[in-house]
Protein backbone atom coordinates (compact mmCIF):
# COMPACT_ATOMS: atom_id res chain seq x y z
CA MET A 1 9.86 -24.18 15.74
CA ASP A 2 7.22 -25.67 13.41
CA SER A 3 4.56 -23.51 15.05
CA VAL A 4 6.78 -20.43 14.60
CA PHE A 5 7.31 -21.24 10.92
CA TYR A 6 3.64 -21.85 10.19
CA SER A 7 2.62 -18.78 12.19
CA ARG A 8 4.92 -16.68 10.04
CA VAL A 9 3.62 -18.25 6.83
CA LEU A 10 -0.02 -17.72 7.80
CA THR A 11 0.60 -14.13 8.91
CA GLU A 12 2.47 -13.37 5.69
CA LEU A 13 -0.30 -14.94 3.62
CA THR A 14 -2.96 -12.92 5.43
CA LEU A 15 -1.07 -9.65 5.16
CA SER A 16 -0.25 -10.28 1.49
CA PHE A 17 -3.93 -10.86 0.69
CA HIS A 18 -5.30 -8.13 2.96
CA ILE A 19 -2.92 -5.46 1.72
CA ILE A 20 -4.50 -5.59 -1.74
CA TYR A 21 -7.98 -4.76 -0.46
CA ALA A 22 -6.74 -2.45 2.28
CA THR A 23 -4.76 -0.38 -0.22
CA ILE A 24 -7.75 -0.09 -2.54
CA GLY A 25 -9.83 0.83 0.50
CA VAL A 26 -7.49 3.72 1.30
CA GLY A 27 -6.82 5.02 -2.21
CA VAL A 28 -10.10 4.68 -4.10
CA PRO A 29 -12.11 7.07 -1.85
CA LEU A 30 -9.71 9.86 -2.81
CA MET A 31 -10.18 8.99 -6.50
CA ILE A 32 -13.96 9.03 -6.10
CA MET A 33 -13.79 12.39 -4.35
CA LEU A 34 -11.52 13.89 -7.03
CA ALA A 35 -13.75 12.62 -9.86
CA GLN A 36 -16.89 14.08 -8.31
CA TRP A 37 -15.14 17.36 -7.54
CA VAL A 38 -13.90 17.72 -11.12
CA GLY A 39 -17.38 16.86 -12.37
CA ILE A 40 -18.95 19.56 -10.22
CA LYS A 41 -16.28 22.13 -11.07
CA LYS A 42 -16.47 21.51 -14.84
CA ASN A 43 -20.18 20.65 -14.84
CA ASP A 44 -19.16 17.41 -16.53
CA GLU A 45 -21.48 14.45 -16.04
CA HIS A 46 -18.82 11.98 -17.17
CA TYR A 47 -16.73 12.63 -14.06
CA ILE A 48 -19.84 12.42 -11.87
CA LEU A 49 -20.57 9.05 -13.44
CA LEU A 50 -16.96 7.99 -12.85
CA ALA A 51 -17.38 8.66 -9.13
CA ARG A 52 -20.66 6.76 -9.08
CA ARG A 53 -19.33 3.65 -10.81
CA TRP A 54 -16.08 3.60 -8.82
CA ALA A 55 -18.09 3.83 -5.61
CA ARG A 56 -20.14 0.75 -6.53
CA GLY A 57 -17.06 -1.36 -7.08
CA PHE A 58 -15.41 0.08 -3.98
CA VAL A 59 -18.13 -1.38 -1.73
CA ILE A 60 -17.16 -4.93 -2.76
CA THR A 61 -13.51 -4.39 -1.88
CA VAL A 62 -14.47 -2.85 1.46
CA ALA A 63 -16.53 -5.93 2.33
CA VAL A 64 -13.59 -8.26 1.61
CA GLY A 65 -11.21 -5.93 3.45
CA VAL A 66 -13.39 -6.16 6.56
CA VAL A 67 -13.16 -9.95 6.55
CA THR A 68 -9.39 -10.05 6.08
CA GLY A 69 -8.87 -7.24 8.59
CA THR A 70 -10.85 -9.24 11.14
CA ALA A 71 -8.67 -12.25 10.32
CA ILE A 72 -5.56 -10.24 11.09
CA GLY A 73 -6.94 -9.19 14.47
CA LEU A 74 -7.83 -12.79 15.26
CA GLN A 75 -4.42 -14.08 14.20
CA LEU A 76 -2.57 -11.53 16.29
CA SER A 77 -4.19 -13.00 19.38
CA LEU A 78 -3.99 -16.66 18.35
CA LEU A 79 -0.59 -16.79 16.64
CA TRP A 80 1.34 -14.15 18.57
CA PRO A 81 0.00 -14.23 22.14
CA ASN A 82 3.29 -13.34 23.84
CA PHE A 83 3.74 -10.34 21.58
CA MET A 84 0.18 -9.12 22.21
CA GLU A 85 0.57 -9.61 25.95
CA LEU A 86 3.50 -7.21 25.91
CA ALA A 87 2.76 -4.80 23.07
CA GLY A 88 -1.04 -4.80 23.43
CA ASN A 89 -0.77 -2.87 26.68
CA VAL A 90 1.31 -0.18 24.97
CA ILE A 91 -0.10 0.18 21.48
CA ALA A 92 -3.82 -0.57 22.01
CA LEU A 93 -4.78 3.10 21.43
CA PRO A 94 -4.06 3.24 17.66
CA LEU A 95 -5.68 -0.19 17.24
CA PHE A 96 -8.86 1.21 18.78
CA MET A 97 -8.62 4.42 16.76
CA GLU A 98 -8.20 2.41 13.53
CA THR A 99 -11.49 0.65 14.24
CA PHE A 100 -13.17 3.98 14.96
CA ALA A 101 -11.81 5.47 11.72
CA PHE A 102 -13.17 2.52 9.74
CA PHE A 103 -16.67 2.84 11.23
CA PHE A 104 -16.54 6.58 10.56
CA GLU A 105 -15.74 5.83 6.91
CA ALA A 106 -18.36 3.06 6.61
CA ILE A 107 -21.20 5.16 8.04
CA PHE A 108 -20.66 8.06 5.66
CA LEU A 109 -20.02 5.70 2.72
CA GLY A 110 -23.42 4.14 3.31
CA ILE A 111 -25.10 7.55 3.45
CA TYR A 112 -23.22 8.66 0.33
CA LEU A 113 -24.33 5.63 -1.68
CA TYR A 114 -27.93 5.76 -0.47
CA THR A 115 -28.36 9.46 -1.29
CA TRP A 116 -27.00 9.50 -4.85
CA ASP A 117 -30.30 10.59 -6.41
CA ARG A 118 -31.63 12.43 -3.39
CA PHE A 119 -29.49 15.57 -3.64
CA GLU A 120 -30.36 18.17 -6.25
CA ASN A 121 -27.19 20.02 -5.29
CA GLN A 122 -24.15 17.83 -6.10
CA LYS A 123 -21.93 19.99 -3.89
CA LYS A 124 -23.85 18.92 -0.79
CA HIS A 125 -23.62 15.29 -1.83
CA PHE A 126 -19.88 15.73 -2.42
CA LEU A 127 -19.41 16.80 1.21
CA LEU A 128 -20.29 13.26 2.31
CA LEU A 129 -17.14 12.02 0.57
CA ILE A 130 -14.83 14.08 2.79
CA PRO A 131 -15.36 11.93 5.93
CA VAL A 132 -15.20 8.79 3.76
CA ALA A 133 -11.78 9.74 2.40
CA LEU A 134 -10.55 10.95 5.79
CA GLY A 135 -11.76 7.81 7.56
CA ALA A 136 -10.07 5.58 4.98
CA SER A 137 -6.78 7.46 5.19
CA PHE A 138 -6.70 7.66 8.99
CA SER A 139 -7.50 3.97 9.20
CA ALA A 140 -4.24 3.40 7.31
CA VAL A 141 -2.42 5.94 9.49
CA PHE A 142 -3.36 4.26 12.78
CA ILE A 143 -2.64 0.68 11.70
CA THR A 144 0.70 1.78 10.22
CA ILE A 145 1.58 3.39 13.54
CA VAL A 146 1.32 -0.08 15.09
CA ASN A 147 3.73 -1.43 12.50
CA ALA A 148 6.07 1.51 13.06
CA PHE A 149 6.05 0.76 16.80
CA MET A 150 7.25 -2.78 16.04
CA ASN A 151 10.26 -1.29 14.25
CA ALA A 152 11.00 1.43 16.81
CA PRO A 153 9.40 0.46 20.14
CA GLN A 154 9.29 3.15 22.80
CA GLY A 155 6.90 4.62 25.37
CA PHE A 156 7.49 2.02 28.08
CA ASN A 157 10.12 0.42 30.28
CA LEU A 158 10.56 -3.30 30.73
CA VAL A 159 11.86 -4.23 34.20
CA ASN A 160 12.01 -7.90 35.18
CA ASN A 161 9.63 -8.68 32.30
CA GLU A 162 7.07 -6.25 33.67
CA LEU A 163 5.85 -3.11 31.90
CA ILE A 164 6.20 0.19 33.71
CA ASN A 165 5.96 3.86 32.73
CA VAL A 166 3.66 3.10 29.78
CA ASN A 167 2.96 6.17 27.63
CA PRO A 168 0.76 5.33 24.59
CA LEU A 169 1.30 8.71 22.91
CA VAL A 170 5.08 8.36 23.06
CA ALA A 171 4.71 4.84 21.67
CA MET A 172 2.59 6.13 18.80
CA PHE A 173 4.90 8.98 17.81
CA ASN A 174 7.99 6.85 17.44
CA PRO A 175 10.85 7.63 15.01
CA ALA A 176 9.57 5.19 12.36
CA MET A 177 6.08 6.69 12.28
CA PRO A 178 6.51 9.74 9.95
CA THR A 179 8.17 7.97 7.02
CA LYS A 180 6.12 4.77 7.33
CA VAL A 181 2.78 6.59 7.47
CA ALA A 182 3.69 8.91 4.59
CA HIS A 183 4.89 6.01 2.46
CA VAL A 184 1.89 3.75 3.13
CA VAL A 185 -0.74 6.41 2.53
CA GLY A 186 1.01 7.89 -0.52
CA THR A 187 1.57 4.52 -2.19
CA ALA A 188 -2.07 3.57 -1.50
CA TYR A 189 -3.18 6.61 -3.53
CA MET A 190 -0.62 5.77 -6.21
CA THR A 191 -1.65 2.11 -6.41
CA SER A 192 -5.34 2.90 -6.72
CA ALA A 193 -4.68 5.49 -9.42
CA PHE A 194 -2.71 3.04 -11.58
CA LEU A 195 -5.30 0.29 -11.00
CA LEU A 196 -8.11 2.53 -12.27
CA ALA A 197 -5.92 3.78 -15.13
CA ALA A 198 -5.26 0.17 -16.19
CA ILE A 199 -9.01 -0.53 -16.23
CA ALA A 200 -9.69 2.57 -18.35
CA ALA A 201 -6.89 1.69 -20.80
CA PHE A 202 -8.18 -1.88 -21.07
CA ARG A 203 -11.68 -0.67 -21.94
CA LEU A 204 -10.22 1.58 -24.65
CA LEU A 205 -8.25 -1.34 -26.06
CA ARG A 206 -11.37 -3.50 -26.10
CA GLY A 207 -12.99 -1.06 -28.52
CA SER A 208 -14.97 1.17 -26.19
CA ASN A 209 -13.50 4.44 -27.46
CA HIS A 210 -15.88 6.53 -25.38
CA ILE A 211 -14.69 9.86 -24.01
CA TYR A 212 -15.70 8.59 -20.54
CA HIS A 213 -12.76 6.15 -20.50
CA LYS A 214 -10.36 8.78 -21.87
CA LYS A 215 -11.31 11.17 -19.08
CA ALA A 216 -10.81 8.38 -16.55
CA LEU A 217 -7.35 7.76 -17.99
CA TYR A 218 -6.38 11.44 -17.89
CA LEU A 219 -7.47 11.86 -14.27
CA THR A 220 -5.97 8.65 -12.90
CA LEU A 221 -2.57 9.01 -14.57
CA LYS A 222 -2.30 12.59 -13.36
CA VAL A 223 -2.89 11.41 -9.79
CA GLY A 224 -0.61 8.43 -10.36
CA PHE A 225 2.23 10.71 -11.46
CA ILE A 226 1.85 13.01 -8.45
CA PHE A 227 1.97 10.17 -5.94
CA SER A 228 4.75 8.36 -7.80
CA VAL A 229 6.88 11.45 -7.22
CA SER A 230 5.82 11.56 -3.57
CA ALA A 231 6.71 7.85 -3.16
CA ALA A 232 10.21 8.53 -4.51
CA LEU A 233 10.71 11.48 -2.16
CA VAL A 234 9.44 9.60 0.89
CA GLY A 235 11.59 6.62 -0.14
CA ASP A 236 14.64 8.85 0.13
CA LEU A 237 13.59 9.91 3.65
CA SER A 238 12.97 6.26 4.54
CA GLY A 239 16.55 5.44 3.54
CA LYS A 240 17.83 8.12 5.90
CA TYR A 241 15.61 6.82 8.69
CA LEU A 242 16.99 3.29 8.23
CA ALA A 243 20.57 4.53 8.21
CA GLU A 244 20.04 6.13 11.61
CA TYR A 245 17.66 3.75 13.38
CA GLN A 246 17.81 0.38 11.55
CA PRO A 247 21.22 0.27 9.84
CA GLU A 248 21.22 -3.54 9.71
CA LYS A 249 18.05 -3.49 7.59
CA LEU A 250 19.50 -0.96 5.15
CA ALA A 251 22.78 -2.90 4.94
CA ALA A 252 20.97 -6.19 4.23
CA ALA A 253 18.72 -4.61 1.60
CA GLU A 254 21.75 -3.09 -0.16
CA TRP A 255 24.15 -6.00 0.35
CA HIS A 256 26.45 -3.56 2.11
CA PHE A 257 28.73 -5.97 3.94
CA GLU A 258 31.52 -3.70 5.17
CA THR A 259 31.32 -0.33 6.87
CA GLU A 260 32.86 2.27 4.59
CA GLU A 261 32.77 5.82 3.32
CA ASN A 262 31.89 6.71 -0.30
CA ALA A 263 29.50 3.75 -0.31
CA PRO A 264 28.04 2.71 -3.69
CA LEU A 265 24.42 1.71 -4.20
CA MET A 266 24.03 -1.91 -5.28
CA LEU A 267 21.24 -2.64 -7.79
CA TYR A 268 20.27 -6.12 -8.99
CA GLY A 269 23.01 -8.75 -9.04
CA VAL A 270 23.24 -12.27 -7.62
CA LEU A 271 24.73 -13.36 -4.30
CA ASP A 272 26.96 -16.41 -4.78
CA ASP A 273 28.78 -17.76 -1.69
CA GLY A 274 28.96 -14.32 -0.15
CA GLU A 275 30.17 -12.69 -3.38
CA VAL A 276 28.00 -10.26 -5.31
CA LYS A 277 27.99 -10.87 -9.07
CA TYR A 278 26.47 -9.00 -12.02
CA ALA A 279 25.32 -6.06 -9.88
CA ILE A 280 25.09 -2.46 -11.05
CA LYS A 281 27.06 -0.22 -8.70
CA ILE A 282 26.21 3.48 -8.56
CA PRO A 283 29.20 5.27 -6.95
CA TYR A 284 28.51 7.26 -3.77
CA ALA A 285 24.75 6.73 -4.11
CA LEU A 286 24.29 4.72 -0.89
CA SER A 287 26.13 7.38 1.12
CA ILE A 288 23.85 10.02 -0.42
CA LEU A 289 20.73 7.93 0.26
CA ALA A 290 21.75 7.21 3.85
CA HIS A 291 23.20 10.55 4.95
CA GLY A 292 22.84 13.05 2.11
CA SER A 293 26.59 13.22 1.53
CA PRO A 294 28.64 11.31 -1.10
CA THR A 295 31.51 10.81 1.37
CA ALA A 296 29.47 9.76 4.42
CA GLU A 297 30.22 6.51 6.21
CA VAL A 298 27.52 3.84 5.94
CA ILE A 299 27.38 1.06 8.53
CA GLY A 300 27.71 -2.43 7.05
CA LEU A 301 26.64 -5.89 8.14
CA ASP A 302 30.09 -6.45 9.66
CA GLN A 303 28.91 -4.43 12.69
CA PHE A 304 26.12 -6.86 13.62
CA PRO A 305 26.05 -10.44 14.93
CA GLU A 306 24.94 -12.91 12.28
CA GLU A 307 21.93 -13.94 14.38
CA ASP A 308 20.66 -10.33 14.29
CA THR A 309 21.06 -9.92 10.52
CA PRO A 310 17.92 -9.83 8.34
CA PRO A 311 17.65 -12.34 5.47
CA LEU A 312 19.72 -11.14 2.53
CA TYR A 313 17.08 -11.96 -0.06
CA ILE A 314 15.33 -8.71 0.87
CA HIS A 315 17.74 -7.09 -1.61
CA TYR A 316 15.68 -8.62 -4.43
CA LEU A 317 12.49 -7.21 -2.89
CA PHE A 318 14.11 -3.78 -2.78
CA ASP A 319 15.09 -4.05 -6.45
CA ILE A 320 11.57 -5.08 -7.48
CA MET A 321 9.94 -2.27 -5.53
CA VAL A 322 12.25 0.48 -6.77
CA THR A 323 12.36 -0.71 -10.39
CA ILE A 324 8.58 -0.88 -10.73
CA GLY A 325 8.10 2.40 -8.89
CA MET A 326 10.48 4.29 -11.15
CA THR A 327 8.99 2.63 -14.23
CA LEU A 328 5.49 3.77 -13.30
CA LEU A 329 6.73 7.27 -12.56
CA ALA A 330 8.33 7.39 -16.02
CA LEU A 331 5.21 5.94 -17.68
CA SER A 332 2.88 8.54 -16.18
CA ALA A 333 5.36 11.36 -16.90
CA ILE A 334 5.66 10.31 -20.56
CA PHE A 335 1.86 10.21 -20.82
CA TRP A 336 1.42 13.75 -19.57
CA ILE A 337 4.31 15.19 -21.54
CA GLY A 338 2.94 13.39 -24.58
CA MET A 339 -0.55 14.79 -24.07
CA TRP A 340 0.90 18.29 -23.67
CA ARG A 341 3.13 17.92 -26.74
CA LYS A 342 0.40 16.06 -28.68
CA TRP A 343 2.45 12.92 -29.28
CA SER A 344 0.32 10.33 -31.03
CA PHE A 345 2.38 7.58 -29.40
CA VAL A 346 0.68 8.04 -26.00
CA GLU A 347 -2.68 7.15 -27.56
CA SER A 348 -1.35 4.11 -29.44
CA ARG A 349 -2.35 0.55 -28.61
CA LEU A 350 1.20 -0.26 -27.48
CA PHE A 351 1.29 2.54 -24.93
CA ARG A 352 -2.17 1.68 -23.66
CA TRP A 353 -1.06 -1.91 -23.17
CA LEU A 354 1.81 -0.58 -21.08
CA ILE A 355 -0.74 1.24 -18.94
CA VAL A 356 -2.76 -1.96 -18.59
CA ILE A 357 0.36 -3.81 -17.45
CA SER A 358 1.00 -1.07 -14.87
CA GLY A 359 -2.07 -2.31 -12.97
CA PRO A 360 -0.66 -5.69 -11.88
CA LEU A 361 2.87 -4.25 -11.69
CA VAL A 362 1.90 -1.69 -9.07
CA PHE A 363 0.50 -4.46 -6.86
CA ILE A 364 3.68 -6.51 -7.28
CA SER A 365 5.63 -3.45 -6.13
CA LEU A 366 3.24 -3.04 -3.20
CA GLU A 367 3.71 -6.64 -2.08
CA ALA A 368 7.49 -6.43 -2.47
CA GLY A 369 7.54 -3.28 -0.35
CA TRP A 370 5.55 -4.89 2.45
CA TRP A 371 7.63 -8.05 2.43
CA LEU A 372 10.74 -5.89 2.55
CA ALA A 373 9.36 -4.00 5.54
CA GLU A 374 8.34 -7.12 7.48
CA VAL A 375 11.12 -9.55 6.60
CA GLY A 376 13.70 -6.77 6.95
CA ARG A 377 12.81 -6.47 10.65
CA GLN A 378 13.66 -10.12 11.32
CA PRO A 379 14.64 -11.78 13.56
CA TRP A 380 12.64 -9.35 15.72
CA ILE A 381 8.89 -9.05 16.10
CA LEU A 382 9.55 -6.11 18.44
CA ARG A 383 12.95 -4.77 17.49
CA ASN A 384 15.70 -5.43 20.05
CA ILE A 385 13.10 -6.48 22.65
CA MET A 386 11.31 -9.64 21.50
CA ARG A 387 12.36 -12.09 18.82
CA THR A 388 9.79 -13.53 16.45
CA SER A 389 10.35 -17.02 17.90
CA GLU A 390 9.59 -15.66 21.39
CA GLY A 391 6.33 -14.01 20.38
CA ALA A 392 4.74 -16.98 18.59
CA THR A 393 2.30 -19.56 19.85
CA SER A 394 3.41 -23.11 20.65
CA SER A 395 0.14 -24.63 19.43
CA GLY A 396 0.32 -27.52 16.98
CA GLN A 397 -2.91 -26.49 15.23
CA VAL A 398 -1.38 -23.68 13.15
CA PRO A 399 -0.94 -25.81 9.98
CA THR A 400 -4.67 -26.57 10.05
CA MET A 401 -5.42 -22.86 10.44
CA LEU A 402 -3.12 -22.15 7.48
CA VAL A 403 -5.11 -24.48 5.20
CA LEU A 404 -8.49 -23.10 6.34
CA PHE A 405 -7.52 -19.45 5.95
CA ALA A 406 -5.90 -20.15 2.57
CA LEU A 407 -9.22 -21.63 1.38
CA LEU A 408 -11.06 -18.59 2.76
CA TYR A 409 -8.80 -16.17 0.88
CA LEU A 410 -9.16 -18.22 -2.31
CA VAL A 411 -12.96 -18.00 -2.08
CA LEU A 412 -12.88 -14.29 -1.23
CA GLY A 413 -10.45 -13.48 -4.03
CA ILE A 414 -12.31 -15.38 -6.73
CA GLY A 415 -15.68 -14.23 -5.43
CA SER A 416 -14.80 -10.54 -5.40
CA VAL A 417 -13.42 -10.70 -8.95
CA VAL A 418 -16.52 -12.52 -10.23
CA VAL A 419 -18.91 -10.11 -8.52
CA LEU A 420 -17.07 -7.02 -9.78
CA ARG A 421 -16.86 -8.39 -13.30
CA ARG A 422 -20.55 -9.23 -13.44
CA MET A 423 -21.49 -5.91 -11.87
CA PHE A 424 -19.88 -3.89 -14.65
CA ILE A 425 -20.50 -6.25 -17.56
CA ARG A 426 -24.23 -6.24 -16.85
CA ASN A 427 -24.25 -2.47 -16.51
CA PRO A 428 -21.84 -1.13 -19.19
CA VAL A 429 -21.03 2.55 -19.11
CA GLU A 430 -22.53 3.14 -22.56
CA GLN A 431 -25.91 1.85 -21.37
CA GLU A 432 -25.75 3.86 -18.17
CA ILE A 433 -24.88 7.01 -20.11
CA ALA A 434 -27.84 6.37 -22.43
CA ASP A 435 -30.15 5.88 -19.44
CA ARG A 436 -28.93 9.06 -17.77
CA GLN A 437 -29.35 10.95 -21.03
CA GLN A 438 -33.02 10.17 -20.93
CA VAL A 439 -33.27 11.25 -17.30
CA LYS A 440 -31.19 14.39 -17.79
CA GLY A 441 -32.73 15.32 -21.12
CA GLY A 442 -29.64 14.60 -23.22
CA ASP A 443 -27.05 16.49 -21.14
CA ILE A 444 -24.48 13.66 -21.44
CA GLN A 445 -22.84 13.29 -24.84
């Protein structure tokens, strides 16, 4: 049981660290592509420069993401050998396709970076970004399909512990796939947009009142608002998926203990000896979320054995994710309404500090969402087929691995921040604009 515990801790640590760089790796290429497209369309060198500077920083995060992604692949084999023995024969196709998508992205990213000053026509150079963005997004799609399979395994039969009738395509297109893929990809775009918006707002607060940073803020918060709305819509569909296919997960996340009609949605609160205190109850909302009807019956935890019930603390993860998500949606909506209505408040220092805070908040929401997804599947590593304790290694060396990988992630995290900071401090945008003015004959103001 010690090896199971430490295997879970190490896997959670790796996923928690990797998801930061993986999300940036999926979302930032779209932001680079949008900036360069706007720059070409408006003949605006500031947006072209945005794409160029974002791309430089993006390379660092890709490098760290490769290391942590490799660590995940290694840990799947070392920490969860029984799971890989079973599931690897069924779901190997999307794992291979994820690797192919990454190499597809990396090849065109290299060409894109190398040819910045070698294209007189920016439109031709822009075309190189399309496979970069597609490769990044499909990399997320394929790896999320593997996670979806763990929640809704299908495409095989298990007879006397032997696999028969294996169909990889049926395994890939499982019921969990549509909502999980849509949510992961959409929130990656949203997270990257708010991260870049926070950086732009911080530069404005530090006294660099250049129009370059204002344009970055306008673009990123517009994208952030769009994908905040999409995250809310997909979240609603995810609730309906859980109600049909994983009702125990929905019930644990909502502290819905008894099966009933007209079920209220439980927000916040504290669980004290099985009693919920200080919670906000929204009448009929859980029935609407689960089935689209205020009078629908929602299955409670009373329908499941205690040993098959997910940990109840996932309710707090749900609250964190939803609260931050709705806050960011409201923040970006207020910004755009304020810009349209010319409210001075949205350009105040206070509001810009709120945008800066949105950067770390969006990553907290991201982590909470992933922990909710993974812990909410417990006690199963492969739902209703293999328990987590059955899939883990029995090796006694896992604690040592935990320490070594923790040190690796500490070095990678600190190193990437230091490199990125030095990269942009030594090459401030004002200096780069001045240099490009000389090259372009004063076209950039």
